[in-house]
Amino acid sequence: MSSKSKKLSAAEIEVLEARRDIGAEILQSLRDMKAGKGQVIASPAVEARRATGLSQTQFAALLGVSVRTLQGWEQGRKQPSGAARVLLTLARTNPRAVLAVSGA
């Protein structure tokens, strides 16, 4: 919704939701995925961890965060702090350096 669009009232949302065919939407999404029309977007945290070849547990220990925090970053529920973003960028662009420093 653009910033120029008016917000829908609760009643208007209810009417729109009542008209939806969720089953048809799911089936169309499955058809799109099978046809290769969908794409999975990996978060920077996922890309960084995959670049190192470490498990979530190992990578979280390397960064000094809990596995739950790492999972939050990977799933987009949380955003890493400035220092953590730098470490993730370094791990993504130069995983060997991160692994060498960590001793992993």
C-alpha atoms as a PDB file:
ATOM      1  CA  MET A   1       0.000   0.000   0.000  1.00  0.00           C
ATOM      2  CA  SER A   2       1.511   3.334  -0.981  1.00  0.00           C
ATOM      3  CA  SER A   3       1.707   6.169   1.495  1.00  0.00           C
ATOM      4  CA  LYS A   4      -0.912   8.048  -0.585  1.00  0.00           C
ATOM      5  CA  SER A   5      -3.494   5.258  -0.238  1.00  0.00           C
ATOM      6  CA  LYS A   6      -6.022   5.521   2.534  1.00  0.00           C
ATOM      7  CA  LYS A   7      -5.981   2.849   5.184  1.00  0.00           C
ATOM      8  CA  LEU A   8      -8.800   0.352   5.112  1.00  0.00           C
ATOM      9  CA  SER A   9     -11.255   0.232   7.948  1.00  0.00           C
ATOM     10  CA  ALA A  10     -11.751  -2.947   9.950  1.00  0.00           C
ATOM     11  CA  ALA A  11     -15.057  -3.525   8.133  1.00  0.00           C
ATOM     12  CA  GLU A  12     -13.409  -3.124   4.706  1.00  0.00           C
ATOM     13  CA  ILE A  13     -10.641  -5.558   5.655  1.00  0.00           C
ATOM     14  CA  GLU A  14     -13.232  -8.046   6.870  1.00  0.00           C
ATOM     15  CA  VAL A  15     -15.068  -7.858   3.525  1.00  0.00           C
ATOM     16  CA  LEU A  16     -11.830  -8.380   1.577  1.00  0.00           C
ATOM     17  CA  GLU A  17     -10.825 -11.314   3.761  1.00  0.00           C
ATOM     18  CA  ALA A  18     -14.257 -12.916   3.372  1.00  0.00           C
ATOM     19  CA  ARG A  19     -13.853 -12.838  -0.423  1.00  0.00           C
ATOM     20  CA  ARG A  20     -10.415 -14.495  -0.411  1.00  0.00           C
ATOM     21  CA  ASP A  21     -10.022 -18.075  -1.551  1.00  0.00           C
ATOM     22  CA  ILE A  22      -7.000 -19.122   0.489  1.00  0.00           C
ATOM     23  CA  GLY A  23      -7.009 -22.625  -0.993  1.00  0.00           C
ATOM     24  CA  ALA A  24      -6.793 -21.235  -4.528  1.00  0.00           C
ATOM     25  CA  GLU A  25      -4.005 -18.853  -3.479  1.00  0.00           C
ATOM     26  CA  ILE A  26      -1.988 -21.727  -1.998  1.00  0.00           C
ATOM     27  CA  LEU A  27      -2.485 -23.890  -5.084  1.00  0.00           C
ATOM     28  CA  GLN A  28      -1.406 -21.030  -7.350  1.00  0.00           C
ATOM     29  CA  SER A  29       1.685 -20.493  -5.208  1.00  0.00           C
ATOM     30  CA  LEU A  30       2.554 -24.183  -5.505  1.00  0.00           C
ATOM     31  CA  ARG A  31       2.109 -24.030  -9.293  1.00  0.00           C
ATOM     32  CA  ASP A  32       4.356 -20.967  -9.434  1.00  0.00           C
ATOM     33  CA  MET A  33       7.049 -22.690  -7.383  1.00  0.00           C
ATOM     34  CA  LYS A  34       6.925 -25.821  -9.541  1.00  0.00           C
ATOM     35  CA  ALA A  35       7.258 -23.610 -12.628  1.00  0.00           C
ATOM     36  CA  GLY A  36      10.345 -21.974 -11.136  1.00  0.00           C
ATOM     37  CA  LYS A  37       8.670 -18.600 -10.714  1.00  0.00           C
ATOM     38  CA  GLY A  38       9.378 -18.338  -6.997  1.00  0.00           C
ATOM     39  CA  GLN A  39      12.644 -17.520  -5.366  1.00  0.00           C
ATOM     40  CA  VAL A  40      14.038 -17.910  -1.901  1.00  0.00           C
ATOM     41  CA  ILE A  41      15.832 -14.894  -0.526  1.00  0.00           C
ATOM     42  CA  ALA A  42      18.456 -15.762   2.054  1.00  0.00           C
ATOM     43  CA  SER A  43      19.251 -13.285   4.785  1.00  0.00           C
ATOM     44  CA  PRO A  44      22.804 -11.960   5.160  1.00  0.00           C
ATOM     45  CA  ALA A  45      23.128 -14.103   8.308  1.00  0.00           C
ATOM     46  CA  VAL A  46      22.248 -17.271   6.373  1.00  0.00           C
ATOM     47  CA  GLU A  47      24.652 -16.350   3.574  1.00  0.00           C
ATOM     48  CA  ALA A  48      27.449 -15.684   6.071  1.00  0.00           C
ATOM     49  CA  ARG A  49      26.906 -18.953   7.915  1.00  0.00           C
ATOM     50  CA  ARG A  50      26.717 -20.965   4.704  1.00  0.00           C
ATOM     51  CA  ALA A  51      29.928 -19.347   3.460  1.00  0.00           C
ATOM     52  CA  THR A  52      31.738 -20.649   6.534  1.00  0.00           C
ATOM     53  CA  GLY A  53      30.196 -24.102   6.251  1.00  0.00           C
ATOM     54  CA  LEU A  54      29.330 -24.098   9.949  1.00  0.00           C
ATOM     55  CA  SER A  55      26.149 -25.277  11.643  1.00  0.00           C
ATOM     56  CA  GLN A  56      23.939 -22.779  13.437  1.00  0.00           C
ATOM     57  CA  THR A  57      25.346 -23.913  16.769  1.00  0.00           C
ATOM     58  CA  GLN A  58      28.953 -23.559  15.618  1.00  0.00           C
ATOM     59  CA  PHE A  59      28.387 -20.212  13.912  1.00  0.00           C
ATOM     60  CA  ALA A  60      26.517 -18.772  16.899  1.00  0.00           C
ATOM     61  CA  ALA A  61      29.409 -19.805  19.164  1.00  0.00           C
ATOM     62  CA  LEU A  62      31.895 -18.205  16.752  1.00  0.00           C
ATOM     63  CA  LEU A  63      29.958 -14.924  16.880  1.00  0.00           C
ATOM     64  CA  GLY A  64      29.403 -15.116  20.624  1.00  0.00           C
ATOM     65  CA  VAL A  65      25.610 -15.097  20.396  1.00  0.00           C
ATOM     66  CA  SER A  66      22.941 -17.621  21.278  1.00  0.00           C
ATOM     67  CA  VAL A  67      21.587 -19.989  18.645  1.00  0.00           C
ATOM     68  CA  ARG A  68      18.178 -18.382  19.178  1.00  0.00           C
ATOM     69  CA  THR A  69      19.597 -14.934  18.351  1.00  0.00           C
ATOM     70  CA  LEU A  70      21.225 -16.296  15.197  1.00  0.00           C
ATOM     71  CA  GLN A  71      17.952 -17.946  14.189  1.00  0.00           C
ATOM     72  CA  GLY A  72      16.162 -14.633  14.695  1.00  0.00           C
ATOM     73  CA  TRP A  73      18.642 -12.946  12.346  1.00  0.00           C
ATOM     74  CA  GLU A  74      18.354 -15.736   9.782  1.00  0.00           C
ATOM     75  CA  GLN A  75      14.560 -15.620   9.821  1.00  0.00           C
ATOM     76  CA  GLY A  76      14.414 -11.830   9.682  1.00  0.00           C
ATOM     77  CA  ARG A  77      12.681 -11.476  13.048  1.00  0.00           C
ATOM     78  CA  LYS A  78      15.650  -9.594  14.517  1.00  0.00           C
ATOM     79  CA  GLN A  79      18.391  -7.397  13.110  1.00  0.00           C
ATOM     80  CA  PRO A  80      22.021  -7.740  14.194  1.00  0.00           C
ATOM     81  CA  SER A  81      23.765  -4.832  15.894  1.00  0.00           C
ATOM     82  CA  GLY A  82      26.426  -2.784  14.113  1.00  0.00           C
ATOM     83  CA  ALA A  83      29.327  -4.951  15.283  1.00  0.00           C
ATOM     84  CA  ALA A  84      27.479  -8.162  14.466  1.00  0.00           C
ATOM     85  CA  ARG A  85      26.620  -6.827  10.989  1.00  0.00           C
ATOM     86  CA  VAL A  86      30.315  -6.205  10.376  1.00  0.00           C
ATOM     87  CA  LEU A  87      31.197  -9.741  11.475  1.00  0.00           C
ATOM     88  CA  LEU A  88      28.463 -11.190   9.266  1.00  0.00           C
ATOM     89  CA  THR A  89      29.707  -9.184   6.291  1.00  0.00           C
ATOM     90  CA  LEU A  90      33.259 -10.340   6.921  1.00  0.00           C
ATOM     91  CA  ALA A  91      32.123 -13.955   7.247  1.00  0.00           C
ATOM     92  CA  ARG A  92      30.157 -13.677   4.005  1.00  0.00           C
ATOM     93  CA  THR A  93      32.931 -12.014   1.995  1.00  0.00           C
ATOM     94  CA  ASN A  94      35.972 -13.690   3.546  1.00  0.00           C
ATOM     95  CA  PRO A  95      34.938 -16.827   5.430  1.00  0.00           C
ATOM     96  CA  ARG A  96      38.504 -18.158   5.565  1.00  0.00           C
ATOM     97  CA  ALA A  97      39.654 -15.124   7.560  1.00  0.00           C
ATOM     98  CA  VAL A  98      36.856 -15.566  10.091  1.00  0.00           C
ATOM     99  CA  LEU A  99      37.567 -19.265  10.412  1.00  0.00           C
ATOM    100  CA  ALA A 100      41.300 -18.668  10.742  1.00  0.00           C
ATOM    101  CA  VAL A 101      40.845 -16.140  13.545  1.00  0.00           C
ATOM    102  CA  SER A 102      38.325 -18.331  15.360  1.00  0.00           C
ATOM    103  CA  GLY A 103      40.406 -21.483  15.138  1.00  0.00           C
ATOM    104  CA  ALA A 104      37.461 -23.384  13.666  1.00  0.00           C
END
